[in-house]
Amino acid sequence: MAPTKDTLTRVFNKADQDGNGKLCLSEFKIALIELAEDDEERKMTEDDETMQMLMGLIDEDGDKMLTCDEFLKLLELGNEDEVGNEVVNGKDVMISMIKAADKDGNGFLTATEL
């Protein structure tokens, strides 16, 4: 189930360890670990390249840090949308994309796999 806006805001504030209102990569990883639903999702946070790619998808201003509004874009990735007659979960699509790019199957994406 996709997290709610309130849940994401709470997780963002908890992960924002320096209180600057933005998440750096290490704080973003802390937030995603908090939101992870299983060990596979937690394992993804171990790979900096994968996390930078995910962060880049929602980092609107390109400063390599996420504001709370940018972090809330995770709601869009997690929400289900109807495409044709099929219900598509954005989170599942993202996980499938990462798995498809992971050519050696080690659970991490390298620069060459991207």
PDB file of N, CA and C in Angstrom:
ATOM      1  N   MET A   1       0.842  -1.171   0.000  1.00  0.00           N
ATOM      2  CA  MET A   1       0.000   0.000   0.000  1.00  0.00           C
ATOM      3  C   MET A   1       0.897   1.247   0.000  1.00  0.00           C
ATOM      4  N   ALA A   2       0.512   2.230  -0.772  1.00  0.00           N
ATOM      5  CA  ALA A   2       1.293   3.469  -0.858  1.00  0.00           C
ATOM      6  C   ALA A   2       1.166   4.248   0.447  1.00  0.00           C
ATOM      7  N   PRO A   3       2.264   4.881   0.867  1.00  0.00           N
ATOM      8  CA  PRO A   3       2.198   5.690   2.082  1.00  0.00           C
ATOM      9  C   PRO A   3       1.346   6.936   1.857  1.00  0.00           C
ATOM     10  N   THR A   4       0.780   7.443   2.930  1.00  0.00           N
ATOM     11  CA  THR A   4      -0.026   8.659   2.845  1.00  0.00           C
ATOM     12  C   THR A   4       0.875   9.884   2.892  1.00  0.00           C
ATOM     13  N   LYS A   5       0.292  11.020   2.568  1.00  0.00           N
ATOM     14  CA  LYS A   5       1.030  12.286   2.631  1.00  0.00           C
ATOM     15  C   LYS A   5       1.514  12.534   4.057  1.00  0.00           C
ATOM     16  N   ASP A   6       0.661  12.263   5.038  1.00  0.00           N
ATOM     17  CA  ASP A   6       1.048  12.456   6.441  1.00  0.00           C
ATOM     18  C   ASP A   6       2.208  11.543   6.826  1.00  0.00           C
ATOM     19  N   THR A   7       2.169  10.302   6.379  1.00  0.00           N
ATOM     20  CA  THR A   7       3.257   9.365   6.673  1.00  0.00           C
ATOM     21  C   THR A   7       4.555   9.850   6.060  1.00  0.00           C
ATOM     22  N   LEU A   8       4.515  10.266   4.790  1.00  0.00           N
ATOM     23  CA  LEU A   8       5.725  10.750   4.129  1.00  0.00           C
ATOM     24  C   LEU A   8       6.278  11.997   4.812  1.00  0.00           C
ATOM     25  N   THR A   9       5.406  12.888   5.227  1.00  0.00           N
ATOM     26  CA  THR A   9       5.851  14.106   5.911  1.00  0.00           C
ATOM     27  C   THR A   9       6.516  13.763   7.239  1.00  0.00           C
ATOM     28  N   ARG A  10       5.933  12.827   7.977  1.00  0.00           N
ATOM     29  CA  ARG A  10       6.517  12.394   9.248  1.00  0.00           C
ATOM     30  C   ARG A  10       7.877  11.744   9.031  1.00  0.00           C
ATOM     31  N   VAL A  11       7.967  10.864   8.047  1.00  0.00           N
ATOM     32  CA  VAL A  11       9.229  10.180   7.746  1.00  0.00           C
ATOM     33  C   VAL A  11      10.279  11.199   7.280  1.00  0.00           C
ATOM     34  N   PHE A  12       9.864  12.163   6.459  1.00  0.00           N
ATOM     35  CA  PHE A  12      10.786  13.209   6.000  1.00  0.00           C
ATOM     36  C   PHE A  12      11.365  13.959   7.195  1.00  0.00           C
ATOM     37  N   ASN A  13      10.503  14.415   8.080  1.00  0.00           N
ATOM     38  CA  ASN A  13      10.961  15.197   9.238  1.00  0.00           C
ATOM     39  C   ASN A  13      11.883  14.385  10.146  1.00  0.00           C
ATOM     40  N   LYS A  14      11.590  13.117  10.298  1.00  0.00           N
ATOM     41  CA  LYS A  14      12.438  12.243  11.123  1.00  0.00           C
ATOM     42  C   LYS A  14      13.807  12.043  10.475  1.00  0.00           C
ATOM     43  N   ALA A  15      13.842  11.890   9.144  1.00  0.00           N
ATOM     44  CA  ALA A  15      15.091  11.648   8.423  1.00  0.00           C
ATOM     45  C   ALA A  15      15.939  12.908   8.272  1.00  0.00           C
ATOM     46  N   ASP A  16      15.322  14.083   8.344  1.00  0.00           N
ATOM     47  CA  ASP A  16      16.036  15.360   8.188  1.00  0.00           C
ATOM     48  C   ASP A  16      16.836  15.630   9.458  1.00  0.00           C
ATOM     49  N   GLN A  17      17.955  14.924   9.591  1.00  0.00           N
ATOM     50  CA  GLN A  17      18.728  14.936  10.830  1.00  0.00           C
ATOM     51  C   GLN A  17      19.356  16.282  11.153  1.00  0.00           C
ATOM     52  N   ASP A  18      19.730  17.048  10.124  1.00  0.00           N
ATOM     53  CA  ASP A  18      20.355  18.348  10.401  1.00  0.00           C
ATOM     54  C   ASP A  18      19.328  19.481  10.454  1.00  0.00           C
ATOM     55  N   GLY A  19      18.064  19.173  10.195  1.00  0.00           N
ATOM     56  CA  GLY A  19      17.001  20.155  10.327  1.00  0.00           C
ATOM     57  C   GLY A  19      17.025  21.271   9.299  1.00  0.00           C
ATOM     58  N   ASN A  20      17.674  21.052   8.145  1.00  0.00           N
ATOM     59  CA  ASN A  20      17.755  22.116   7.144  1.00  0.00           C
ATOM     60  C   ASN A  20      16.569  22.120   6.179  1.00  0.00           C
ATOM     61  N   GLY A  21      15.617  21.211   6.376  1.00  0.00           N
ATOM     62  CA  GLY A  21      14.440  21.175   5.524  1.00  0.00           C
ATOM     63  C   GLY A  21      14.661  20.447   4.210  1.00  0.00           C
ATOM     64  N   LYS A  22      15.812  19.785   4.070  1.00  0.00           N
ATOM     65  CA  LYS A  22      16.123  19.026   2.859  1.00  0.00           C
ATOM     66  C   LYS A  22      16.791  17.719   3.247  1.00  0.00           C
ATOM     67  N   LEU A  23      16.623  16.716   2.396  1.00  0.00           N
ATOM     68  CA  LEU A  23      17.274  15.434   2.612  1.00  0.00           C
ATOM     69  C   LEU A  23      18.441  15.284   1.648  1.00  0.00           C
ATOM     70  N   CYS A  24      19.620  15.022   2.211  1.00  0.00           N
ATOM     71  CA  CYS A  24      20.766  14.651   1.381  1.00  0.00           C
ATOM     72  C   CYS A  24      20.630  13.157   1.094  1.00  0.00           C
ATOM     73  N   LEU A  25      21.567  12.586   0.357  1.00  0.00           N
ATOM     74  CA  LEU A  25      21.474  11.175  -0.016  1.00  0.00           C
ATOM     75  C   LEU A  25      21.391  10.258   1.202  1.00  0.00           C
ATOM     76  N   SER A  26      22.237  10.490   2.200  1.00  0.00           N
ATOM     77  CA  SER A  26      22.217   9.597   3.372  1.00  0.00           C
ATOM     78  C   SER A  26      20.900   9.722   4.140  1.00  0.00           C
ATOM     79  N   GLU A  27      20.340  10.923   4.226  1.00  0.00           N
ATOM     80  CA  GLU A  27      19.048  11.105   4.903  1.00  0.00           C
ATOM     81  C   GLU A  27      17.919  10.487   4.080  1.00  0.00           C
ATOM     82  N   PHE A  28      18.007  10.603   2.756  1.00  0.00           N
ATOM     83  CA  PHE A  28      17.021   9.993   1.860  1.00  0.00           C
ATOM     84  C   PHE A  28      16.995   8.481   2.056  1.00  0.00           C
ATOM     85  N   LYS A  29      18.172   7.881   2.189  1.00  0.00           N
ATOM     86  CA  LYS A  29      18.257   6.438   2.411  1.00  0.00           C
ATOM     87  C   LYS A  29      17.605   6.058   3.740  1.00  0.00           C
ATOM     88  N   ILE A  30      17.819   6.871   4.770  1.00  0.00           N
ATOM     89  CA  ILE A  30      17.186   6.623   6.074  1.00  0.00           C
ATOM     90  C   ILE A  30      15.668   6.634   5.930  1.00  0.00           C
ATOM     91  N   ALA A  31      15.170   7.614   5.171  1.00  0.00           N
ATOM     92  CA  ALA A  31      13.720   7.726   4.961  1.00  0.00           C
ATOM     93  C   ALA A  31      13.184   6.504   4.221  1.00  0.00           C
ATOM     94  N   LEU A  32      13.892   6.068   3.190  1.00  0.00           N
ATOM     95  CA  LEU A  32      13.417   4.918   2.416  1.00  0.00           C
ATOM     96  C   LEU A  32      13.467   3.627   3.213  1.00  0.00           C
ATOM     97  N   ILE A  33      14.456   3.499   4.078  1.00  0.00           N
ATOM     98  CA  ILE A  33      14.501   2.331   4.960  1.00  0.00           C
ATOM     99  C   ILE A  33      13.276   2.324   5.863  1.00  0.00           C
ATOM    100  N   GLU A  34      12.919   3.491   6.360  1.00  0.00           N
ATOM    101  CA  GLU A  34      11.723   3.627   7.212  1.00  0.00           C
ATOM    102  C   GLU A  34      10.455   3.222   6.452  1.00  0.00           C
ATOM    103  N   LEU A  35      10.409   3.533   5.160  1.00  0.00           N
ATOM    104  CA  LEU A  35       9.223   3.247   4.356  1.00  0.00           C
ATOM    105  C   LEU A  35       9.221   1.841   3.754  1.00  0.00           C
ATOM    106  N   ALA A  36      10.372   1.169   3.775  1.00  0.00           N
ATOM    107  CA  ALA A  36      10.493  -0.143   3.136  1.00  0.00           C
ATOM    108  C   ALA A  36       9.515  -1.143   3.738  1.00  0.00           C
ATOM    109  N   GLU A  37       8.916  -1.913   2.857  1.00  0.00           N
ATOM    110  CA  GLU A  37       7.944  -2.912   3.290  1.00  0.00           C
ATOM    111  C   GLU A  37       8.543  -4.301   3.432  1.00  0.00           C
ATOM    112  N   ASP A  38       9.758  -4.505   2.886  1.00  0.00           N
ATOM    113  CA  ASP A  38      10.377  -5.824   2.992  1.00  0.00           C
ATOM    114  C   ASP A  38      11.895  -5.696   2.858  1.00  0.00           C
ATOM    115  N   ASP A  39      12.589  -6.816   3.043  1.00  0.00           N
ATOM    116  CA  ASP A  39      14.052  -6.824   2.997  1.00  0.00           C
ATOM    117  C   ASP A  39      14.590  -6.440   1.625  1.00  0.00           C
ATOM    118  N   GLU A  40      13.880  -6.814   0.575  1.00  0.00           N
ATOM    119  CA  GLU A  40      14.322  -6.470  -0.785  1.00  0.00           C
ATOM    120  C   GLU A  40      14.365  -4.948  -0.966  1.00  0.00           C
ATOM    121  N   GLU A  41      13.350  -4.262  -0.489  1.00  0.00           N
ATOM    122  CA  GLU A  41      13.327  -2.802  -0.588  1.00  0.00           C
ATOM    123  C   GLU A  41      14.427  -2.185   0.274  1.00  0.00           C
ATOM    124  N   ARG A  42      14.673  -2.752   1.445  1.00  0.00           N
ATOM    125  CA  ARG A  42      15.752  -2.251   2.306  1.00  0.00           C
ATOM    126  C   ARG A  42      17.111  -2.436   1.633  1.00  0.00           C
ATOM    127  N   LYS A  43      17.285  -3.562   0.956  1.00  0.00           N
ATOM    128  CA  LYS A  43      18.562  -3.855   0.297  1.00  0.00           C
ATOM    129  C   LYS A  43      18.853  -2.829  -0.797  1.00  0.00           C
ATOM    130  N   MET A  44      17.821  -2.374  -1.499  1.00  0.00           N
ATOM    131  CA  MET A  44      18.012  -1.380  -2.557  1.00  0.00           C
ATOM    132  C   MET A  44      18.659  -0.110  -2.027  1.00  0.00           C
ATOM    133  N   THR A  45      18.402   0.229  -0.780  1.00  0.00           N
ATOM    134  CA  THR A  45      18.952   1.469  -0.217  1.00  0.00           C
ATOM    135  C   THR A  45      20.450   1.380   0.016  1.00  0.00           C
ATOM    136  N   GLU A  46      21.029   0.197  -0.077  1.00  0.00           N
ATOM    137  CA  GLU A  46      22.463   0.021   0.148  1.00  0.00           C
ATOM    138  C   GLU A  46      23.306   0.500  -1.025  1.00  0.00           C
ATOM    139  N   ASP A  47      22.706   0.626  -2.196  1.00  0.00           N
ATOM    140  CA  ASP A  47      23.444   0.996  -3.399  1.00  0.00           C
ATOM    141  C   ASP A  47      23.269   2.488  -3.695  1.00  0.00           C
ATOM    142  N   ASP A  48      24.361   3.240  -3.558  1.00  0.00           N
ATOM    143  CA  ASP A  48      24.303   4.691  -3.761  1.00  0.00           C
ATOM    144  C   ASP A  48      23.869   5.068  -5.176  1.00  0.00           C
ATOM    145  N   GLU A  49      24.319   4.326  -6.183  1.00  0.00           N
ATOM    146  CA  GLU A  49      23.950   4.663  -7.557  1.00  0.00           C
ATOM    147  C   GLU A  49      22.451   4.525  -7.779  1.00  0.00           C
ATOM    148  N   THR A  50      21.871   3.482  -7.234  1.00  0.00           N
ATOM    149  CA  THR A  50      20.429   3.284  -7.355  1.00  0.00           C
ATOM    150  C   THR A  50      19.676   4.395  -6.628  1.00  0.00           C
ATOM    151  N   MET A  51      20.141   4.734  -5.440  1.00  0.00           N
ATOM    152  CA  MET A  51      19.485   5.784  -4.664  1.00  0.00           C
ATOM    153  C   MET A  51      19.626   7.152  -5.339  1.00  0.00           C
ATOM    154  N   GLN A  52      20.782   7.415  -5.947  1.00  0.00           N
ATOM    155  CA  GLN A  52      20.964   8.676  -6.663  1.00  0.00           C
ATOM    156  C   GLN A  52      20.022   8.750  -7.862  1.00  0.00           C
ATOM    157  N   MET A  53      19.834   7.603  -8.537  1.00  0.00           N
ATOM    158  CA  MET A  53      18.917   7.567  -9.674  1.00  0.00           C
ATOM    159  C   MET A  53      17.489   7.851  -9.216  1.00  0.00           C
ATOM    160  N   LEU A  54      17.052   7.198  -8.153  1.00  0.00           N
ATOM    161  CA  LEU A  54      15.698   7.419  -7.633  1.00  0.00           C
ATOM    162  C   LEU A  54      15.545   8.855  -7.159  1.00  0.00           C
ATOM    163  N   MET A  55      16.553   9.349  -6.457  1.00  0.00           N
ATOM    164  CA  MET A  55      16.509  10.726  -5.965  1.00  0.00           C
ATOM    165  C   MET A  55      16.410  11.706  -7.145  1.00  0.00           C
ATOM    166  N   GLY A  56      17.156  11.414  -8.213  1.00  0.00           N
ATOM    167  CA  GLY A  56      17.133  12.271  -9.391  1.00  0.00           C
ATOM    168  C   GLY A  56      15.776  12.330 -10.063  1.00  0.00           C
ATOM    169  N   LEU A  57      14.981  11.262  -9.923  1.00  0.00           N
ATOM    170  CA  LEU A  57      13.643  11.250 -10.515  1.00  0.00           C
ATOM    171  C   LEU A  57      12.706  12.251  -9.860  1.00  0.00           C
ATOM    172  N   ILE A  58      12.943  12.558  -8.599  1.00  0.00           N
ATOM    173  CA  ILE A  58      12.021  13.439  -7.879  1.00  0.00           C
ATOM    174  C   ILE A  58      12.643  14.772  -7.465  1.00  0.00           C
ATOM    175  N   ASP A  59      13.943  14.948  -7.747  1.00  0.00           N
ATOM    176  CA  ASP A  59      14.652  16.188  -7.408  1.00  0.00           C
ATOM    177  C   ASP A  59      14.413  17.225  -8.510  1.00  0.00           C
ATOM    178  N   GLU A  60      13.429  18.086  -8.298  1.00  0.00           N
ATOM    179  CA  GLU A  60      13.017  19.037  -9.331  1.00  0.00           C
ATOM    180  C   GLU A  60      14.072  20.089  -9.659  1.00  0.00           C
ATOM    181  N   ASP A  61      14.784  20.589  -8.655  1.00  0.00           N
ATOM    182  CA  ASP A  61      15.713  21.695  -8.903  1.00  0.00           C
ATOM    183  C   ASP A  61      17.146  21.233  -9.144  1.00  0.00           C
ATOM    184  N   GLY A  62      17.395  19.931  -9.066  1.00  0.00           N
ATOM    185  CA  GLY A  62      18.699  19.383  -9.389  1.00  0.00           C
ATOM    186  C   GLY A  62      19.803  19.675  -8.387  1.00  0.00           C
ATOM    187  N   ASP A  63      19.434  20.040  -7.151  1.00  0.00           N
ATOM    188  CA  ASP A  63      20.459  20.367  -6.150  1.00  0.00           C
ATOM    189  C   ASP A  63      20.962  19.140  -5.391  1.00  0.00           C
ATOM    190  N   LYS A  64      20.502  17.962  -5.810  1.00  0.00           N
ATOM    191  CA  LYS A  64      20.887  16.688  -5.176  1.00  0.00           C
ATOM    192  C   LYS A  64      20.453  16.607  -3.721  1.00  0.00           C
ATOM    193  N   MET A  65      19.410  17.366  -3.404  1.00  0.00           N
ATOM    194  CA  MET A  65      18.778  17.326  -2.091  1.00  0.00           C
ATOM    195  C   MET A  65      17.270  17.397  -2.331  1.00  0.00           C
ATOM    196  N   LEU A  66      16.497  16.827  -1.421  1.00  0.00           N
ATOM    197  CA  LEU A  66      15.054  16.806  -1.591  1.00  0.00           C
ATOM    198  C   LEU A  66      14.351  17.638  -0.533  1.00  0.00           C
ATOM    199  N   THR A  67      13.499  18.534  -0.988  1.00  0.00           N
ATOM    200  CA  THR A  67      12.608  19.239  -0.073  1.00  0.00           C
ATOM    201  C   THR A  67      11.458  18.290   0.267  1.00  0.00           C
ATOM    202  N   CYS A  68      10.654  18.668   1.220  1.00  0.00           N
ATOM    203  CA  CYS A  68       9.511  17.830   1.581  1.00  0.00           C
ATOM    204  C   CYS A  68       8.557  17.706   0.386  1.00  0.00           C
ATOM    205  N   ASP A  69       8.339  18.804  -0.347  1.00  0.00           N
ATOM    206  CA  ASP A  69       7.455  18.744  -1.517  1.00  0.00           C
ATOM    207  C   ASP A  69       7.989  17.768  -2.561  1.00  0.00           C
ATOM    208  N   GLU A  70       9.304  17.785  -2.791  1.00  0.00           N
ATOM    209  CA  GLU A  70       9.890  16.849  -3.738  1.00  0.00           C
ATOM    210  C   GLU A  70       9.758  15.415  -3.222  1.00  0.00           C
ATOM    211  N   PHE A  71       9.989  15.230  -1.936  1.00  0.00           N
ATOM    212  CA  PHE A  71       9.877  13.904  -1.321  1.00  0.00           C
ATOM    213  C   PHE A  71       8.455  13.357  -1.464  1.00  0.00           C
ATOM    214  N   LEU A  72       7.473  14.243  -1.394  1.00  0.00           N
ATOM    215  CA  LEU A  72       6.075  13.825  -1.520  1.00  0.00           C
ATOM    216  C   LEU A  72       5.766  13.287  -2.909  1.00  0.00           C
ATOM    217  N   LYS A  73       6.659  13.501  -3.879  1.00  0.00           N
ATOM    218  CA  LYS A  73       6.470  12.919  -5.205  1.00  0.00           C
ATOM    219  C   LYS A  73       6.493  11.393  -5.138  1.00  0.00           C
ATOM    220  N   LEU A  74       7.031  10.849  -4.045  1.00  0.00           N
ATOM    221  CA  LEU A  74       6.993   9.401  -3.863  1.00  0.00           C
ATOM    222  C   LEU A  74       5.555   8.895  -3.851  1.00  0.00           C
ATOM    223  N   LEU A  75       4.628   9.768  -3.449  1.00  0.00           N
ATOM    224  CA  LEU A  75       3.213   9.392  -3.493  1.00  0.00           C
ATOM    225  C   LEU A  75       2.804   9.050  -4.913  1.00  0.00           C
ATOM    226  N   GLU A  76       3.281   9.845  -5.876  1.00  0.00           N
ATOM    227  CA  GLU A  76       2.942   9.598  -7.274  1.00  0.00           C
ATOM    228  C   GLU A  76       3.512   8.264  -7.736  1.00  0.00           C
ATOM    229  N   LEU A  77       4.725   7.932  -7.276  1.00  0.00           N
ATOM    230  CA  LEU A  77       5.336   6.660  -7.655  1.00  0.00           C
ATOM    231  C   LEU A  77       4.602   5.488  -7.023  1.00  0.00           C
ATOM    232  N   GLY A  78       4.020   5.704  -5.854  1.00  0.00           N
ATOM    233  CA  GLY A  78       3.366   4.618  -5.132  1.00  0.00           C
ATOM    234  C   GLY A  78       1.896   4.470  -5.428  1.00  0.00           C
ATOM    235  N   ASN A  79       1.288   5.473  -6.018  1.00  0.00           N
ATOM    236  CA  ASN A  79      -0.146   5.412  -6.281  1.00  0.00           C
ATOM    237  C   ASN A  79      -0.452   4.530  -7.466  1.00  0.00           C
ATOM    238  N   GLU A  80      -1.632   3.955  -7.428  1.00  0.00           N
ATOM    239  CA  GLU A  80      -2.077   3.136  -8.534  1.00  0.00           C
ATOM    240  C   GLU A  80      -2.834   4.009  -9.519  1.00  0.00           C
ATOM    241  N   ASP A  81      -2.578   3.809 -10.794  1.00  0.00           N
ATOM    242  CA  ASP A  81      -3.277   4.518 -11.857  1.00  0.00           C
ATOM    243  C   ASP A  81      -3.852   3.479 -12.802  1.00  0.00           C
ATOM    244  N   GLU A  82      -4.968   3.821 -13.396  1.00  0.00           N
ATOM    245  CA  GLU A  82      -5.538   2.914 -14.378  1.00  0.00           C
ATOM    246  C   GLU A  82      -4.992   3.287 -15.744  1.00  0.00           C
ATOM    247  N   VAL A  83      -4.357   2.323 -16.387  1.00  0.00           N
ATOM    248  CA  VAL A  83      -3.817   2.520 -17.723  1.00  0.00           C
ATOM    249  C   VAL A  83      -4.539   1.522 -18.618  1.00  0.00           C
ATOM    250  N   GLY A  84      -5.381   2.033 -19.494  1.00  0.00           N
ATOM    251  CA  GLY A  84      -6.237   1.133 -20.271  1.00  0.00           C
ATOM    252  C   GLY A  84      -7.184   0.451 -19.306  1.00  0.00           C
ATOM    253  N   ASN A  85      -7.182  -0.846 -19.290  1.00  0.00           N
ATOM    254  CA  ASN A  85      -8.021  -1.606 -18.357  1.00  0.00           C
ATOM    255  C   ASN A  85      -7.205  -2.204 -17.229  1.00  0.00           C
ATOM    256  N   GLU A  86      -5.929  -1.803 -17.136  1.00  0.00           N
ATOM    257  CA  GLU A  86      -5.026  -2.401 -16.161  1.00  0.00           C
ATOM    258  C   GLU A  86      -4.685  -1.381 -15.072  1.00  0.00           C
ATOM    259  N   VAL A  87      -4.683  -1.825 -13.822  1.00  0.00           N
ATOM    260  CA  VAL A  87      -4.265  -0.972 -12.712  1.00  0.00           C
ATOM    261  C   VAL A  87      -2.763  -1.126 -12.553  1.00  0.00           C
ATOM    262  N   VAL A  88      -2.063   0.009 -12.593  1.00  0.00           N
ATOM    263  CA  VAL A  88      -0.606   0.002 -12.537  1.00  0.00           C
ATOM    264  C   VAL A  88      -0.161   0.703 -11.261  1.00  0.00           C
ATOM    265  N   ASN A  89       0.664   0.026 -10.472  1.00  0.00           N
ATOM    266  CA  ASN A  89       1.217   0.609  -9.258  1.00  0.00           C
ATOM    267  C   ASN A  89       2.587   1.182  -9.600  1.00  0.00           C
ATOM    268  N   GLY A  90       2.763   2.498  -9.417  1.00  0.00           N
ATOM    269  CA  GLY A  90       4.008   3.169  -9.765  1.00  0.00           C
ATOM    270  C   GLY A  90       5.211   2.609  -9.038  1.00  0.00           C
ATOM    271  N   LYS A  91       5.043   2.233  -7.778  1.00  0.00           N
ATOM    272  CA  LYS A  91       6.147   1.658  -7.011  1.00  0.00           C
ATOM    273  C   LYS A  91       6.587   0.340  -7.639  1.00  0.00           C
ATOM    274  N   ASP A  92       5.625  -0.497  -8.024  1.00  0.00           N
ATOM    275  CA  ASP A  92       5.953  -1.767  -8.651  1.00  0.00           C
ATOM    276  C   ASP A  92       6.656  -1.544  -9.989  1.00  0.00           C
ATOM    277  N   VAL A  93       6.235  -0.517 -10.718  1.00  0.00           N
ATOM    278  CA  VAL A  93       6.877  -0.197 -11.993  1.00  0.00           C
ATOM    279  C   VAL A  93       8.332   0.185 -11.754  1.00  0.00           C
ATOM    280  N   MET A  94       8.593   1.016 -10.733  1.00  0.00           N
ATOM    281  CA  MET A  94       9.963   1.434 -10.428  1.00  0.00           C
ATOM    282  C   MET A  94      10.822   0.223 -10.046  1.00  0.00           C
ATOM    283  N   ILE A  95      10.304  -0.650  -9.206  1.00  0.00           N
ATOM    284  CA  ILE A  95      11.052  -1.841  -8.791  1.00  0.00           C
ATOM    285  C   ILE A  95      11.332  -2.718 -10.005  1.00  0.00           C
ATOM    286  N   SER A  96      10.359  -2.886 -10.887  1.00  0.00           N
ATOM    287  CA  SER A  96      10.557  -3.692 -12.089  1.00  0.00           C
ATOM    288  C   SER A  96      11.611  -3.081 -12.995  1.00  0.00           C
ATOM    289  N   MET A  97      11.617  -1.738 -13.115  1.00  0.00           N
ATOM    290  CA  MET A  97      12.618  -1.068 -13.944  1.00  0.00           C
ATOM    291  C   MET A  97      14.024  -1.296 -13.389  1.00  0.00           C
ATOM    292  N   ILE A  98      14.158  -1.211 -12.078  1.00  0.00           N
ATOM    293  CA  ILE A  98      15.470  -1.412 -11.451  1.00  0.00           C
ATOM    294  C   ILE A  98      15.920  -2.856 -11.642  1.00  0.00           C
ATOM    295  N   LYS A  99      15.007  -3.786 -11.426  1.00  0.00           N
ATOM    296  CA  LYS A  99      15.352  -5.204 -11.606  1.00  0.00           C
ATOM    297  C   LYS A  99      15.740  -5.494 -13.051  1.00  0.00           C
ATOM    298  N   ALA A 100      15.042  -4.877 -14.001  1.00  0.00           N
ATOM    299  CA  ALA A 100      15.346  -5.105 -15.418  1.00  0.00           C
ATOM    300  C   ALA A 100      16.730  -4.560 -15.768  1.00  0.00           C
ATOM    301  N   ALA A 101      17.120  -3.459 -15.157  1.00  0.00           N
ATOM    302  CA  ALA A 101      18.424  -2.857 -15.440  1.00  0.00           C
ATOM    303  C   ALA A 101      19.552  -3.607 -14.740  1.00  0.00           C
ATOM    304  N   ASP A 102      19.232  -4.360 -13.704  1.00  0.00           N
ATOM    305  CA  ASP A 102      20.234  -5.091 -12.914  1.00  0.00           C
ATOM    306  C   ASP A 102      20.647  -6.355 -13.666  1.00  0.00           C
ATOM    307  N   LYS A 103      21.544  -6.193 -14.639  1.00  0.00           N
ATOM    308  CA  LYS A 103      21.915  -7.285 -15.547  1.00  0.00           C
ATOM    309  C   LYS A 103      22.584  -8.461 -14.851  1.00  0.00           C
ATOM    310  N   ASP A 104      23.410  -8.196 -13.819  1.00  0.00           N
ATOM    311  CA  ASP A 104      24.099  -9.305 -13.155  1.00  0.00           C
ATOM    312  C   ASP A 104      23.283  -9.888 -12.000  1.00  0.00           C
ATOM    313  N   GLY A 105      22.125  -9.309 -11.710  1.00  0.00           N
ATOM    314  CA  GLY A 105      21.222  -9.859 -10.709  1.00  0.00           C
ATOM    315  C   GLY A 105      21.699  -9.773  -9.277  1.00  0.00           C
ATOM    316  N   ASN A 106      22.631  -8.831  -8.986  1.00  0.00           N
ATOM    317  CA  ASN A 106      23.142  -8.737  -7.626  1.00  0.00           C
ATOM    318  C   ASN A 106      22.337  -7.797  -6.727  1.00  0.00           C
ATOM    319  N   GLY A 107      21.278  -7.207  -7.264  1.00  0.00           N
ATOM    320  CA  GLY A 107      20.439  -6.318  -6.466  1.00  0.00           C
ATOM    321  C   GLY A 107      20.912  -4.876  -6.465  1.00  0.00           C
ATOM    322  N   PHE A 108      21.965  -4.579  -7.221  1.00  0.00           N
ATOM    323  CA  PHE A 108      22.523  -3.225  -7.294  1.00  0.00           C
ATOM    324  C   PHE A 108      22.668  -2.821  -8.753  1.00  0.00           C
ATOM    325  N   LEU A 109      22.572  -1.510  -9.019  1.00  0.00           N
ATOM    326  CA  LEU A 109      22.805  -1.000 -10.358  1.00  0.00           C
ATOM    327  C   LEU A 109      24.160  -0.316 -10.416  1.00  0.00           C
ATOM    328  N   THR A 110      24.949  -0.685 -11.398  1.00  0.00           N
ATOM    329  CA  THR A 110      26.221  -0.022 -11.623  1.00  0.00           C
ATOM    330  C   THR A 110      26.037   1.024 -12.703  1.00  0.00           C
ATOM    331  N   ALA A 111      27.031   1.877 -12.880  1.00  0.00           N
ATOM    332  CA  ALA A 111      26.964   2.912 -13.915  1.00  0.00           C
ATOM    333  C   ALA A 111      26.793   2.278 -15.295  1.00  0.00           C
ATOM    334  N   THR A 112      27.433   1.161 -15.549  1.00  0.00           N
ATOM    335  CA  THR A 112      27.308   0.506 -16.858  1.00  0.00           C
ATOM    336  C   THR A 112      25.918  -0.090 -17.048  1.00  0.00           C
ATOM    337  N   GLU A 113      25.271  -0.510 -15.978  1.00  0.00           N
ATOM    338  CA  GLU A 113      23.913  -1.056 -16.102  1.00  0.00           C
ATOM    339  C   GLU A 113      22.877   0.038 -16.330  1.00  0.00           C
ATOM    340  N   LEU A 114      23.196   1.261 -15.934  1.00  0.00           N
ATOM    341  CA  LEU A 114      22.276   2.358 -16.154  1.00  0.00           C
ATOM    342  C   LEU A 114      22.324   2.754 -17.601  1.00  0.00           C
TER     343      LEU A 114
END
